[in-house]
Amino acid sequence: METTSPKLKQRIMRRVYGIWFVKRVLPRLVGETIVVYIAVTQIAAHVFINHVLANAVLHTFSRSPITIFNYFANAFINSEVLVQTMLMSSVVLAGFMLRDIVRASRLLSSHPQHLQVRNFSL
């Protein structure tokens, strides 16, 4: 004989998942968000992306679309070390974020019941 009601079990499990989320996922999510924000603001302060793209199209696209990759490689090599570091950090962060998105999509595709919307009261 089961002594706990399904609603009580659901409320308890919701709290358990909430505590797990706050302890395990939220700090990592906040940390990644802060790092991405800092990286984006620093890149925006040091690199005028609109000018880089405009120059790339102006100088390379009229000859051959393939030469645009050569242009970006030369622009990266000839930039300051700080800019190179920030760009590489952004690439690494984008990789981590892509990894997290893939993990989440795999989890949700293997457990579609997590996508169900449930009515609950606070």
PDB file of N, CA and C in Angstrom:
ATOM      1  N   MET A   1       0.838  -1.171   0.000  1.00  0.00           N
ATOM      2  CA  MET A   1       0.000   0.000   0.000  1.00  0.00           C
ATOM      3  C   MET A   1       0.894   1.249   0.000  1.00  0.00           C
ATOM      4  N   GLU A   2       0.587   2.148  -0.901  1.00  0.00           N
ATOM      5  CA  GLU A   2       1.364   3.379  -1.011  1.00  0.00           C
ATOM      6  C   GLU A   2       0.750   4.439  -0.107  1.00  0.00           C
ATOM      7  N   THR A   3       1.604   5.082   0.687  1.00  0.00           N
ATOM      8  CA  THR A   3       1.097   6.046   1.662  1.00  0.00           C
ATOM      9  C   THR A   3       1.194   7.489   1.180  1.00  0.00           C
ATOM     10  N   THR A   4       2.024   7.771   0.188  1.00  0.00           N
ATOM     11  CA  THR A   4       2.149   9.148  -0.293  1.00  0.00           C
ATOM     12  C   THR A   4       1.279   9.351  -1.517  1.00  0.00           C
ATOM     13  N   SER A   5       0.632  10.486  -1.568  1.00  0.00           N
ATOM     14  CA  SER A   5      -0.209  10.784  -2.722  1.00  0.00           C
ATOM     15  C   SER A   5       0.668  11.228  -3.890  1.00  0.00           C
ATOM     16  N   PRO A   6       0.187  11.051  -5.108  1.00  0.00           N
ATOM     17  CA  PRO A   6       0.975  11.478  -6.274  1.00  0.00           C
ATOM     18  C   PRO A   6       1.274  12.983  -6.268  1.00  0.00           C
ATOM     19  N   LYS A   7       0.325  13.787  -5.775  1.00  0.00           N
ATOM     20  CA  LYS A   7       0.560  15.234  -5.737  1.00  0.00           C
ATOM     21  C   LYS A   7       1.658  15.592  -4.746  1.00  0.00           C
ATOM     22  N   LEU A   8       1.678  14.925  -3.602  1.00  0.00           N
ATOM     23  CA  LEU A   8       2.726  15.186  -2.619  1.00  0.00           C
ATOM     24  C   LEU A   8       4.079  14.760  -3.174  1.00  0.00           C
ATOM     25  N   LYS A   9       4.107  13.608  -3.809  1.00  0.00           N
ATOM     26  CA  LYS A   9       5.353  13.133  -4.412  1.00  0.00           C
ATOM     27  C   LYS A   9       5.833  14.105  -5.491  1.00  0.00           C
ATOM     28  N   GLN A  10       4.903  14.613  -6.277  1.00  0.00           N
ATOM     29  CA  GLN A  10       5.252  15.561  -7.330  1.00  0.00           C
ATOM     30  C   GLN A  10       5.809  16.850  -6.730  1.00  0.00           C
ATOM     31  N   ARG A  11       5.207  17.352  -5.662  1.00  0.00           N
ATOM     32  CA  ARG A  11       5.710  18.567  -5.009  1.00  0.00           C
ATOM     33  C   ARG A  11       7.095  18.347  -4.424  1.00  0.00           C
ATOM     34  N   ILE A  12       7.304  17.196  -3.814  1.00  0.00           N
ATOM     35  CA  ILE A  12       8.616  16.891  -3.229  1.00  0.00           C
ATOM     36  C   ILE A  12       9.669  16.807  -4.328  1.00  0.00           C
ATOM     37  N   MET A  13       9.358  16.117  -5.409  1.00  0.00           N
ATOM     38  CA  MET A  13      10.321  15.972  -6.499  1.00  0.00           C
ATOM     39  C   MET A  13      10.599  17.317  -7.176  1.00  0.00           C
ATOM     40  N   ARG A  14       9.589  18.169  -7.272  1.00  0.00           N
ATOM     41  CA  ARG A  14       9.799  19.499  -7.847  1.00  0.00           C
ATOM     42  C   ARG A  14      10.783  20.287  -6.985  1.00  0.00           C
ATOM     43  N   ARG A  15      10.657  20.177  -5.675  1.00  0.00           N
ATOM     44  CA  ARG A  15      11.606  20.856  -4.778  1.00  0.00           C
ATOM     45  C   ARG A  15      13.000  20.263  -4.901  1.00  0.00           C
ATOM     46  N   VAL A  16      13.082  18.941  -5.002  1.00  0.00           N
ATOM     47  CA  VAL A  16      14.388  18.289  -5.159  1.00  0.00           C
ATOM     48  C   VAL A  16      15.054  18.767  -6.446  1.00  0.00           C
ATOM     49  N   TYR A  17      14.307  18.798  -7.547  1.00  0.00           N
ATOM     50  CA  TYR A  17      14.863  19.271  -8.812  1.00  0.00           C
ATOM     51  C   TYR A  17      15.242  20.750  -8.728  1.00  0.00           C
ATOM     52  N   GLY A  18      14.435  21.530  -8.034  1.00  0.00           N
ATOM     53  CA  GLY A  18      14.746  22.951  -7.868  1.00  0.00           C
ATOM     54  C   GLY A  18      16.035  23.164  -7.096  1.00  0.00           C
ATOM     55  N   ILE A  19      16.215  22.424  -6.012  1.00  0.00           N
ATOM     56  CA  ILE A  19      17.449  22.528  -5.224  1.00  0.00           C
ATOM     57  C   ILE A  19      18.638  22.068  -6.054  1.00  0.00           C
ATOM     58  N   TRP A  20      18.474  20.977  -6.784  1.00  0.00           N
ATOM     59  CA  TRP A  20      19.555  20.492  -7.652  1.00  0.00           C
ATOM     60  C   TRP A  20      19.923  21.550  -8.687  1.00  0.00           C
ATOM     61  N   PHE A  21      18.909  22.177  -9.282  1.00  0.00           N
ATOM     62  CA  PHE A  21      19.166  23.196 -10.298  1.00  0.00           C
ATOM     63  C   PHE A  21      19.926  24.374  -9.705  1.00  0.00           C
ATOM     64  N   VAL A  22      19.501  24.834  -8.530  1.00  0.00           N
ATOM     65  CA  VAL A  22      20.146  25.991  -7.903  1.00  0.00           C
ATOM     66  C   VAL A  22      21.576  25.667  -7.497  1.00  0.00           C
ATOM     67  N   LYS A  23      21.828  24.454  -7.036  1.00  0.00           N
ATOM     68  CA  LYS A  23      23.178  24.101  -6.579  1.00  0.00           C
ATOM     69  C   LYS A  23      24.113  23.726  -7.717  1.00  0.00           C
ATOM     70  N   ARG A  24      23.627  23.050  -8.730  1.00  0.00           N
ATOM     71  CA  ARG A  24      24.500  22.506  -9.777  1.00  0.00           C
ATOM     72  C   ARG A  24      24.502  23.313 -11.073  1.00  0.00           C
ATOM     73  N   VAL A  25      23.350  23.710 -11.543  1.00  0.00           N
ATOM     74  CA  VAL A  25      23.248  24.304 -12.872  1.00  0.00           C
ATOM     75  C   VAL A  25      23.344  25.828 -12.827  1.00  0.00           C
ATOM     76  N   LEU A  26      22.661  26.452 -11.903  1.00  0.00           N
ATOM     77  CA  LEU A  26      22.598  27.907 -11.866  1.00  0.00           C
ATOM     78  C   LEU A  26      23.964  28.578 -11.721  1.00  0.00           C
ATOM     79  N   PRO A  27      24.847  28.119 -10.816  1.00  0.00           N
ATOM     80  CA  PRO A  27      26.161  28.777 -10.733  1.00  0.00           C
ATOM     81  C   PRO A  27      26.955  28.691 -12.041  1.00  0.00           C
ATOM     82  N   ARG A  28      26.891  27.561 -12.687  1.00  0.00           N
ATOM     83  CA  ARG A  28      27.598  27.401 -13.962  1.00  0.00           C
ATOM     84  C   ARG A  28      26.992  28.295 -15.028  1.00  0.00           C
ATOM     85  N   LEU A  29      25.686  28.360 -15.067  1.00  0.00           N
ATOM     86  CA  LEU A  29      24.998  29.195 -16.037  1.00  0.00           C
ATOM     87  C   LEU A  29      25.318  30.671 -15.814  1.00  0.00           C
ATOM     88  N   VAL A  30      25.301  31.104 -14.566  1.00  0.00           N
ATOM     89  CA  VAL A  30      25.632  32.498 -14.250  1.00  0.00           C
ATOM     90  C   VAL A  30      27.088  32.784 -14.606  1.00  0.00           C
ATOM     91  N   GLY A  31      27.975  31.861 -14.275  1.00  0.00           N
ATOM     92  CA  GLY A  31      29.392  32.042 -14.597  1.00  0.00           C
ATOM     93  C   GLY A  31      29.635  32.152 -16.086  1.00  0.00           C
ATOM     94  N   GLU A  32      29.026  31.264 -16.865  1.00  0.00           N
ATOM     95  CA  GLU A  32      29.184  31.321 -18.320  1.00  0.00           C
ATOM     96  C   GLU A  32      28.615  32.616 -18.882  1.00  0.00           C
ATOM     97  N   THR A  33      27.483  33.054 -18.350  1.00  0.00           N
ATOM     98  CA  THR A  33      26.866  34.287 -18.827  1.00  0.00           C
ATOM     99  C   THR A  33      27.761  35.488 -18.553  1.00  0.00           C
ATOM    100  N   ILE A  34      28.351  35.537 -17.364  1.00  0.00           N
ATOM    101  CA  ILE A  34      29.247  36.646 -17.020  1.00  0.00           C
ATOM    102  C   ILE A  34      30.476  36.646 -17.924  1.00  0.00           C
ATOM    103  N   VAL A  35      31.057  35.481 -18.144  1.00  0.00           N
ATOM    104  CA  VAL A  35      32.250  35.395 -18.991  1.00  0.00           C
ATOM    105  C   VAL A  35      31.920  35.794 -20.429  1.00  0.00           C
ATOM    106  N   VAL A  36      30.791  35.342 -20.946  1.00  0.00           N
ATOM    107  CA  VAL A  36      30.393  35.709 -22.308  1.00  0.00           C
ATOM    108  C   VAL A  36      30.157  37.216 -22.398  1.00  0.00           C
ATOM    109  N   TYR A  37      29.511  37.783 -21.402  1.00  0.00           N
ATOM    110  CA  TYR A  37      29.262  39.226 -21.400  1.00  0.00           C
ATOM    111  C   TYR A  37      30.574  40.006 -21.414  1.00  0.00           C
ATOM    112  N   ILE A  38      31.512  39.608 -20.566  1.00  0.00           N
ATOM    113  CA  ILE A  38      32.811  40.289 -20.516  1.00  0.00           C
ATOM    114  C   ILE A  38      33.538  40.151 -21.852  1.00  0.00           C
ATOM    115  N   ALA A  39      33.528  38.954 -22.418  1.00  0.00           N
ATOM    116  CA  ALA A  39      34.217  38.732 -23.694  1.00  0.00           C
ATOM    117  C   ALA A  39      33.599  39.570 -24.807  1.00  0.00           C
ATOM    118  N   VAL A  40      32.292  39.604 -24.870  1.00  0.00           N
ATOM    119  CA  VAL A  40      31.618  40.358 -25.935  1.00  0.00           C
ATOM    120  C   VAL A  40      31.867  41.853 -25.782  1.00  0.00           C
ATOM    121  N   THR A  41      31.799  42.372 -24.562  1.00  0.00           N
ATOM    122  CA  THR A  41      32.040  43.803 -24.378  1.00  0.00           C
ATOM    123  C   THR A  41      33.489  44.172 -24.684  1.00  0.00           C
ATOM    124  N   GLN A  42      34.424  43.303 -24.331  1.00  0.00           N
ATOM    125  CA  GLN A  42      35.829  43.586 -24.631  1.00  0.00           C
ATOM    126  C   GLN A  42      36.106  43.527 -26.130  1.00  0.00           C
ATOM    127  N   ILE A  43      35.526  42.558 -26.797  1.00  0.00           N
ATOM    128  CA  ILE A  43      35.705  42.476 -28.250  1.00  0.00           C
ATOM    129  C   ILE A  43      35.083  43.697 -28.923  1.00  0.00           C
ATOM    130  N   ALA A  44      33.903  44.087 -28.463  1.00  0.00           N
ATOM    131  CA  ALA A  44      33.247  45.256 -29.054  1.00  0.00           C
ATOM    132  C   ALA A  44      34.048  46.531 -28.810  1.00  0.00           C
ATOM    133  N   ALA A  45      34.760  46.599 -27.690  1.00  0.00           N
ATOM    134  CA  ALA A  45      35.559  47.789 -27.396  1.00  0.00           C
ATOM    135  C   ALA A  45      36.837  47.850 -28.230  1.00  0.00           C
ATOM    136  N   HIS A  46      37.371  46.709 -28.635  1.00  0.00           N
ATOM    137  CA  HIS A  46      38.656  46.685 -29.333  1.00  0.00           C
ATOM    138  C   HIS A  46      38.551  46.407 -30.833  1.00  0.00           C
ATOM    139  N   VAL A  47      37.470  45.812 -31.266  1.00  0.00           N
ATOM    140  CA  VAL A  47      37.340  45.433 -32.674  1.00  0.00           C
ATOM    141  C   VAL A  47      36.044  46.031 -33.216  1.00  0.00           C
ATOM    142  N   PHE A  48      36.156  46.759 -34.306  1.00  0.00           N
ATOM    143  CA  PHE A  48      34.978  47.296 -34.967  1.00  0.00           C
ATOM    144  C   PHE A  48      34.534  46.273 -36.010  1.00  0.00           C
ATOM    145  N   ILE A  49      33.633  45.403 -35.596  1.00  0.00           N
ATOM    146  CA  ILE A  49      33.248  44.265 -36.421  1.00  0.00           C
ATOM    147  C   ILE A  49      32.616  44.721 -37.734  1.00  0.00           C
ATOM    148  N   ASN A  50      31.843  45.803 -37.695  1.00  0.00           N
ATOM    149  CA  ASN A  50      31.244  46.301 -38.942  1.00  0.00           C
ATOM    150  C   ASN A  50      32.317  46.690 -39.949  1.00  0.00           C
ATOM    151  N   HIS A  51      33.383  47.321 -39.479  1.00  0.00           N
ATOM    152  CA  HIS A  51      34.466  47.723 -40.384  1.00  0.00           C
ATOM    153  C   HIS A  51      35.206  46.504 -40.928  1.00  0.00           C
ATOM    154  N   VAL A  52      35.425  45.520 -40.070  1.00  0.00           N
ATOM    155  CA  VAL A  52      36.117  44.304 -40.518  1.00  0.00           C
ATOM    156  C   VAL A  52      35.304  43.612 -41.607  1.00  0.00           C
ATOM    157  N   LEU A  53      34.008  43.473 -41.385  1.00  0.00           N
ATOM    158  CA  LEU A  53      33.161  42.813 -42.384  1.00  0.00           C
ATOM    159  C   LEU A  53      33.061  43.634 -43.668  1.00  0.00           C
ATOM    160  N   ALA A  54      32.936  44.951 -43.532  1.00  0.00           N
ATOM    161  CA  ALA A  54      32.853  45.798 -44.725  1.00  0.00           C
ATOM    162  C   ALA A  54      34.144  45.713 -45.538  1.00  0.00           C
ATOM    163  N   ASN A  55      35.285  45.748 -44.860  1.00  0.00           N
ATOM    164  CA  ASN A  55      36.562  45.628 -45.571  1.00  0.00           C
ATOM    165  C   ASN A  55      36.714  44.251 -46.207  1.00  0.00           C
ATOM    166  N   ALA A  56      36.250  43.229 -45.517  1.00  0.00           N
ATOM    167  CA  ALA A  56      36.351  41.877 -46.071  1.00  0.00           C
ATOM    168  C   ALA A  56      35.556  41.765 -47.362  1.00  0.00           C
ATOM    169  N   VAL A  57      34.352  42.282 -47.360  1.00  0.00           N
ATOM    170  CA  VAL A  57      33.521  42.217 -48.563  1.00  0.00           C
ATOM    171  C   VAL A  57      34.114  43.094 -49.660  1.00  0.00           C
ATOM    172  N   LEU A  58      34.574  44.270 -49.289  1.00  0.00           N
ATOM    173  CA  LEU A  58      35.111  45.209 -50.274  1.00  0.00           C
ATOM    174  C   LEU A  58      36.371  44.677 -50.950  1.00  0.00           C
ATOM    175  N   HIS A  59      37.277  44.100 -50.175  1.00  0.00           N
ATOM    176  CA  HIS A  59      38.575  43.706 -50.713  1.00  0.00           C
ATOM    177  C   HIS A  59      38.632  42.277 -51.247  1.00  0.00           C
ATOM    178  N   THR A  60      37.727  41.428 -50.861  1.00  0.00           N
ATOM    179  CA  THR A  60      37.872  40.024 -51.249  1.00  0.00           C
ATOM    180  C   THR A  60      36.706  39.479 -52.040  1.00  0.00           C
ATOM    181  N   PHE A  61      35.507  39.870 -51.712  1.00  0.00           N
ATOM    182  CA  PHE A  61      34.341  39.219 -52.304  1.00  0.00           C
ATOM    183  C   PHE A  61      34.232  39.510 -53.794  1.00  0.00           C
ATOM    184  N   SER A  62      34.729  40.664 -54.225  1.00  0.00           N
ATOM    185  CA  SER A  62      34.650  40.983 -55.653  1.00  0.00           C
ATOM    186  C   SER A  62      35.562  40.077 -56.481  1.00  0.00           C
ATOM    187  N   ARG A  63      36.644  39.588 -55.869  1.00  0.00           N
ATOM    188  CA  ARG A  63      37.552  38.686 -56.584  1.00  0.00           C
ATOM    189  C   ARG A  63      37.052  37.247 -56.532  1.00  0.00           C
ATOM    190  N   SER A  64      36.908  36.748 -55.331  1.00  0.00           N
ATOM    191  CA  SER A  64      36.468  35.364 -55.146  1.00  0.00           C
ATOM    192  C   SER A  64      35.955  35.211 -53.716  1.00  0.00           C
ATOM    193  N   PRO A  65      34.820  34.568 -53.548  1.00  0.00           N
ATOM    194  CA  PRO A  65      34.307  34.384 -52.185  1.00  0.00           C
ATOM    195  C   PRO A  65      35.248  33.563 -51.300  1.00  0.00           C
ATOM    196  N   ILE A  66      36.093  32.747 -51.897  1.00  0.00           N
ATOM    197  CA  ILE A  66      37.009  31.910 -51.116  1.00  0.00           C
ATOM    198  C   ILE A  66      38.104  32.750 -50.461  1.00  0.00           C
ATOM    199  N   THR A  67      38.480  33.849 -51.082  1.00  0.00           N
ATOM    200  CA  THR A  67      39.565  34.667 -50.528  1.00  0.00           C
ATOM    201  C   THR A  67      39.176  35.357 -49.225  1.00  0.00           C
ATOM    202  N   ILE A  68      37.906  35.338 -48.893  1.00  0.00           N
ATOM    203  CA  ILE A  68      37.475  35.953 -47.632  1.00  0.00           C
ATOM    204  C   ILE A  68      38.085  35.217 -46.432  1.00  0.00           C
ATOM    205  N   PHE A  69      38.268  33.914 -46.548  1.00  0.00           N
ATOM    206  CA  PHE A  69      38.890  33.157 -45.456  1.00  0.00           C
ATOM    207  C   PHE A  69      40.348  33.571 -45.274  1.00  0.00           C
ATOM    208  N   ASN A  70      41.044  33.784 -46.386  1.00  0.00           N
ATOM    209  CA  ASN A  70      42.420  34.260 -46.330  1.00  0.00           C
ATOM    210  C   ASN A  70      42.480  35.643 -45.675  1.00  0.00           C
ATOM    211  N   TYR A  71      41.508  36.490 -46.006  1.00  0.00           N
ATOM    212  CA  TYR A  71      41.457  37.831 -45.414  1.00  0.00           C
ATOM    213  C   TYR A  71      41.302  37.749 -43.898  1.00  0.00           C
ATOM    214  N   PHE A  72      40.370  36.919 -43.427  1.00  0.00           N
ATOM    215  CA  PHE A  72      40.150  36.806 -41.980  1.00  0.00           C
ATOM    216  C   PHE A  72      41.365  36.206 -41.280  1.00  0.00           C
ATOM    217  N   ALA A  73      42.030  35.253 -41.912  1.00  0.00           N
ATOM    218  CA  ALA A  73      43.239  34.673 -41.315  1.00  0.00           C
ATOM    219  C   ALA A  73      44.336  35.724 -41.196  1.00  0.00           C
ATOM    220  N   ASN A  74      44.536  36.506 -42.248  1.00  0.00           N
ATOM    221  CA  ASN A  74      45.542  37.566 -42.194  1.00  0.00           C
ATOM    222  C   ASN A  74      45.165  38.648 -41.185  1.00  0.00           C
ATOM    223  N   ALA A  75      43.892  38.985 -41.107  1.00  0.00           N
ATOM    224  CA  ALA A  75      43.449  39.983 -40.133  1.00  0.00           C
ATOM    225  C   ALA A  75      43.694  39.487 -38.714  1.00  0.00           C
ATOM    226  N   PHE A  76      43.454  38.204 -38.477  1.00  0.00           N
ATOM    227  CA  PHE A  76      43.689  37.637 -37.147  1.00  0.00           C
ATOM    228  C   PHE A  76      45.177  37.630 -36.819  1.00  0.00           C
ATOM    229  N   ILE A  77      46.004  37.201 -37.756  1.00  0.00           N
ATOM    230  CA  ILE A  77      47.452  37.117 -37.517  1.00  0.00           C
ATOM    231  C   ILE A  77      48.053  38.501 -37.276  1.00  0.00           C
ATOM    232  N   ASN A  78      47.554  39.512 -37.971  1.00  0.00           N
ATOM    233  CA  ASN A  78      48.113  40.858 -37.852  1.00  0.00           C
ATOM    234  C   ASN A  78      47.464  41.699 -36.757  1.00  0.00           C
ATOM    235  N   SER A  79      46.541  41.124 -35.999  1.00  0.00           N
ATOM    236  CA  SER A  79      45.907  41.886 -34.920  1.00  0.00           C
ATOM    237  C   SER A  79      46.749  41.807 -33.648  1.00  0.00           C
ATOM    238  N   GLU A  80      46.368  42.597 -32.656  1.00  0.00           N
ATOM    239  CA  GLU A  80      47.081  42.615 -31.379  1.00  0.00           C
ATOM    240  C   GLU A  80      46.863  41.297 -30.644  1.00  0.00           C
ATOM    241  N   VAL A  81      47.789  41.000 -29.730  1.00  0.00           N
ATOM    242  CA  VAL A  81      47.702  39.758 -28.958  1.00  0.00           C
ATOM    243  C   VAL A  81      46.436  39.750 -28.103  1.00  0.00           C
ATOM    244  N   LEU A  82      46.062  40.896 -27.551  1.00  0.00           N
ATOM    245  CA  LEU A  82      44.850  40.980 -26.737  1.00  0.00           C
ATOM    246  C   LEU A  82      43.618  40.612 -27.558  1.00  0.00           C
ATOM    247  N   VAL A  83      43.547  41.112 -28.764  1.00  0.00           N
ATOM    248  CA  VAL A  83      42.411  40.812 -29.643  1.00  0.00           C
ATOM    249  C   VAL A  83      42.410  39.336 -30.018  1.00  0.00           C
ATOM    250  N   GLN A  84      43.576  38.782 -30.317  1.00  0.00           N
ATOM    251  CA  GLN A  84      43.665  37.357 -30.635  1.00  0.00           C
ATOM    252  C   GLN A  84      43.197  36.509 -29.458  1.00  0.00           C
ATOM    253  N   THR A  85      43.622  36.887 -28.260  1.00  0.00           N
ATOM    254  CA  THR A  85      43.223  36.147 -27.057  1.00  0.00           C
ATOM    255  C   THR A  85      41.714  36.212 -26.853  1.00  0.00           C
ATOM    256  N   MET A  86      41.146  37.396 -27.028  1.00  0.00           N
ATOM    257  CA  MET A  86      39.697  37.534 -26.849  1.00  0.00           C
ATOM    258  C   MET A  86      38.926  36.736 -27.897  1.00  0.00           C
ATOM    259  N   LEU A  87      39.390  36.758 -29.133  1.00  0.00           N
ATOM    260  CA  LEU A  87      38.699  36.004 -30.179  1.00  0.00           C
ATOM    261  C   LEU A  87      38.785  34.499 -29.933  1.00  0.00           C
ATOM    262  N   MET A  88      39.962  34.029 -29.534  1.00  0.00           N
ATOM    263  CA  MET A  88      40.105  32.601 -29.244  1.00  0.00           C
ATOM    264  C   MET A  88      39.253  32.210 -28.034  1.00  0.00           C
ATOM    265  N   SER A  89      39.198  33.079 -27.028  1.00  0.00           N
ATOM    266  CA  SER A  89      38.346  32.814 -25.867  1.00  0.00           C
ATOM    267  C   SER A  89      36.886  32.730 -26.283  1.00  0.00           C
ATOM    268  N   SER A  90      36.483  33.594 -27.190  1.00  0.00           N
ATOM    269  CA  SER A  90      35.102  33.565 -27.673  1.00  0.00           C
ATOM    270  C   SER A  90      34.797  32.273 -28.416  1.00  0.00           C
ATOM    271  N   VAL A  91      35.749  31.805 -29.194  1.00  0.00           N
ATOM    272  CA  VAL A  91      35.558  30.540 -29.915  1.00  0.00           C
ATOM    273  C   VAL A  91      35.425  29.385 -28.927  1.00  0.00           C
ATOM    274  N   VAL A  92      36.265  29.375 -27.896  1.00  0.00           N
ATOM    275  CA  VAL A  92      36.197  28.320 -26.882  1.00  0.00           C
ATOM    276  C   VAL A  92      34.863  28.391 -26.140  1.00  0.00           C
ATOM    277  N   LEU A  93      34.434  29.592 -25.755  1.00  0.00           N
ATOM    278  CA  LEU A  93      33.151  29.746 -25.070  1.00  0.00           C
ATOM    279  C   LEU A  93      31.992  29.309 -25.956  1.00  0.00           C
ATOM    280  N   ALA A  94      32.054  29.644 -27.224  1.00  0.00           N
ATOM    281  CA  ALA A  94      31.003  29.206 -28.148  1.00  0.00           C
ATOM    282  C   ALA A  94      30.965  27.684 -28.234  1.00  0.00           C
ATOM    283  N   GLY A  95      32.134  27.056 -28.200  1.00  0.00           N
ATOM    284  CA  GLY A  95      32.185  25.592 -28.193  1.00  0.00           C
ATOM    285  C   GLY A  95      31.547  25.004 -26.950  1.00  0.00           C
ATOM    286  N   PHE A  96      31.839  25.604 -25.793  1.00  0.00           N
ATOM    287  CA  PHE A  96      31.222  25.130 -24.552  1.00  0.00           C
ATOM    288  C   PHE A  96      29.706  25.311 -24.587  1.00  0.00           C
ATOM    289  N   MET A  97      29.261  26.445 -25.097  1.00  0.00           N
ATOM    290  CA  MET A  97      27.823  26.684 -25.163  1.00  0.00           C
ATOM    291  C   MET A  97      27.154  25.718 -26.140  1.00  0.00           C
ATOM    292  N   LEU A  98      27.808  25.445 -27.258  1.00  0.00           N
ATOM    293  CA  LEU A  98      27.275  24.473 -28.215  1.00  0.00           C
ATOM    294  C   LEU A  98      27.187  23.093 -27.575  1.00  0.00           C
ATOM    295  N   ARG A  99      28.215  22.725 -26.805  1.00  0.00           N
ATOM    296  CA  ARG A  99      28.203  21.446 -26.102  1.00  0.00           C
ATOM    297  C   ARG A  99      27.015  21.369 -25.143  1.00  0.00           C
ATOM    298  N   ASP A 100      26.758  22.441 -24.397  1.00  0.00           N
ATOM    299  CA  ASP A 100      25.637  22.452 -23.465  1.00  0.00           C
ATOM    300  C   ASP A 100      24.303  22.343 -24.190  1.00  0.00           C
ATOM    301  N   ILE A 101      24.185  23.010 -25.331  1.00  0.00           N
ATOM    302  CA  ILE A 101      22.947  22.941 -26.104  1.00  0.00           C
ATOM    303  C   ILE A 101      22.722  21.528 -26.629  1.00  0.00           C
ATOM    304  N   VAL A 102      23.782  20.889 -27.115  1.00  0.00           N
ATOM    305  CA  VAL A 102      23.666  19.513 -27.619  1.00  0.00           C
ATOM    306  C   VAL A 102      23.282  18.571 -26.491  1.00  0.00           C
ATOM    307  N   ARG A 103      23.903  18.728 -25.327  1.00  0.00           N
ATOM    308  CA  ARG A 103      23.559  17.877 -24.181  1.00  0.00           C
ATOM    309  C   ARG A 103      22.101  18.049 -23.782  1.00  0.00           C
ATOM    310  N   ALA A 104      21.644  19.299 -23.725  1.00  0.00           N
ATOM    311  CA  ALA A 104      20.258  19.550 -23.336  1.00  0.00           C
ATOM    312  C   ALA A 104      19.289  18.983 -24.362  1.00  0.00           C
ATOM    313  N   SER A 105      19.600  19.125 -25.642  1.00  0.00           N
ATOM    314  CA  SER A 105      18.693  18.597 -26.664  1.00  0.00           C
ATOM    315  C   SER A 105      18.660  17.074 -26.638  1.00  0.00           C
ATOM    316  N   ARG A 106      19.808  16.442 -26.373  1.00  0.00           N
ATOM    317  CA  ARG A 106      19.820  14.977 -26.252  1.00  0.00           C
ATOM    318  C   ARG A 106      18.999  14.530 -25.051  1.00  0.00           C
ATOM    319  N   LEU A 107      19.142  15.237 -23.942  1.00  0.00           N
ATOM    320  CA  LEU A 107      18.389  14.886 -22.738  1.00  0.00           C
ATOM    321  C   LEU A 107      16.896  15.017 -22.986  1.00  0.00           C
ATOM    322  N   LEU A 108      16.495  16.122 -23.609  1.00  0.00           N
ATOM    323  CA  LEU A 108      15.075  16.333 -23.845  1.00  0.00           C
ATOM    324  C   LEU A 108      14.525  15.396 -24.908  1.00  0.00           C
ATOM    325  N   SER A 109      15.343  15.008 -25.884  1.00  0.00           N
ATOM    326  CA  SER A 109      14.843  14.077 -26.895  1.00  0.00           C
ATOM    327  C   SER A 109      14.753  12.656 -26.347  1.00  0.00           C
ATOM    328  N   SER A 110      15.610  12.318 -25.382  1.00  0.00           N
ATOM    329  CA  SER A 110      15.540  10.975 -24.808  1.00  0.00           C
ATOM    330  C   SER A 110      14.495  10.881 -23.699  1.00  0.00           C
ATOM    331  N   HIS A 111      14.105  12.023 -23.131  1.00  0.00           N
ATOM    332  CA  HIS A 111      13.080  12.056 -22.085  1.00  0.00           C
ATOM    333  C   HIS A 111      12.032  13.112 -22.442  1.00  0.00           C
ATOM    334  N   PRO A 112      11.154  12.826 -23.403  1.00  0.00           N
ATOM    335  CA  PRO A 112      10.194  13.848 -23.840  1.00  0.00           C
ATOM    336  C   PRO A 112       9.185  14.230 -22.764  1.00  0.00           C
ATOM    337  N   GLN A 113       9.058  13.445 -21.710  1.00  0.00           N
ATOM    338  CA  GLN A 113       8.116  13.800 -20.656  1.00  0.00           C
ATOM    339  C   GLN A 113       8.542  15.074 -19.933  1.00  0.00           C
ATOM    340  N   HIS A 114       9.828  15.465 -20.031  1.00  0.00           N
ATOM    341  CA  HIS A 114      10.293  16.704 -19.409  1.00  0.00           C
ATOM    342  C   HIS A 114       9.754  17.930 -20.139  1.00  0.00           C
ATOM    343  N   LEU A 115       9.256  17.742 -21.353  1.00  0.00           N
ATOM    344  CA  LEU A 115       8.725  18.857 -22.122  1.00  0.00           C
ATOM    345  C   LEU A 115       7.270  19.152 -21.801  1.00  0.00           C
ATOM    346  N   GLN A 116       6.604  18.250 -21.077  1.00  0.00           N
ATOM    347  CA  GLN A 116       5.202  18.436 -20.773  1.00  0.00           C
ATOM    348  C   GLN A 116       5.023  19.614 -19.824  1.00  0.00           C
ATOM    349  N   VAL A 117       3.998  20.402 -20.102  1.00  0.00           N
ATOM    350  CA  VAL A 117       3.671  21.523 -19.229  1.00  0.00           C
ATOM    351  C   VAL A 117       2.663  21.025 -18.213  1.00  0.00           C
ATOM    352  N   ARG A 118       2.986  21.255 -16.956  1.00  0.00           N
ATOM    353  CA  ARG A 118       2.107  20.788 -15.885  1.00  0.00           C
ATOM    354  C   ARG A 118       1.535  21.990 -15.149  1.00  0.00           C
ATOM    355  N   ASN A 119       0.295  21.872 -14.745  1.00  0.00           N
ATOM    356  CA  ASN A 119      -0.310  22.911 -13.920  1.00  0.00           C
ATOM    357  C   ASN A 119       0.128  22.693 -12.486  1.00  0.00           C
ATOM    358  N   PHE A 120       0.608  23.745 -11.883  1.00  0.00           N
ATOM    359  CA  PHE A 120       1.005  23.620 -10.487  1.00  0.00           C
ATOM    360  C   PHE A 120       0.699  24.923  -9.774  1.00  0.00           C
ATOM    361  N   SER A 121       0.504  24.815  -8.483  1.00  0.00           N
ATOM    362  CA  SER A 121       0.231  26.003  -7.674  1.00  0.00           C
ATOM    363  C   SER A 121       1.394  26.234  -6.729  1.00  0.00           C
ATOM    364  N   LEU A 122       1.650  27.483  -6.458  1.00  0.00           N
ATOM    365  CA  LEU A 122       2.762  27.825  -5.576  1.00  0.00           C
ATOM    366  C   LEU A 122       2.345  27.839  -4.148  1.00  0.00           C
TER     367      LEU A 122
END
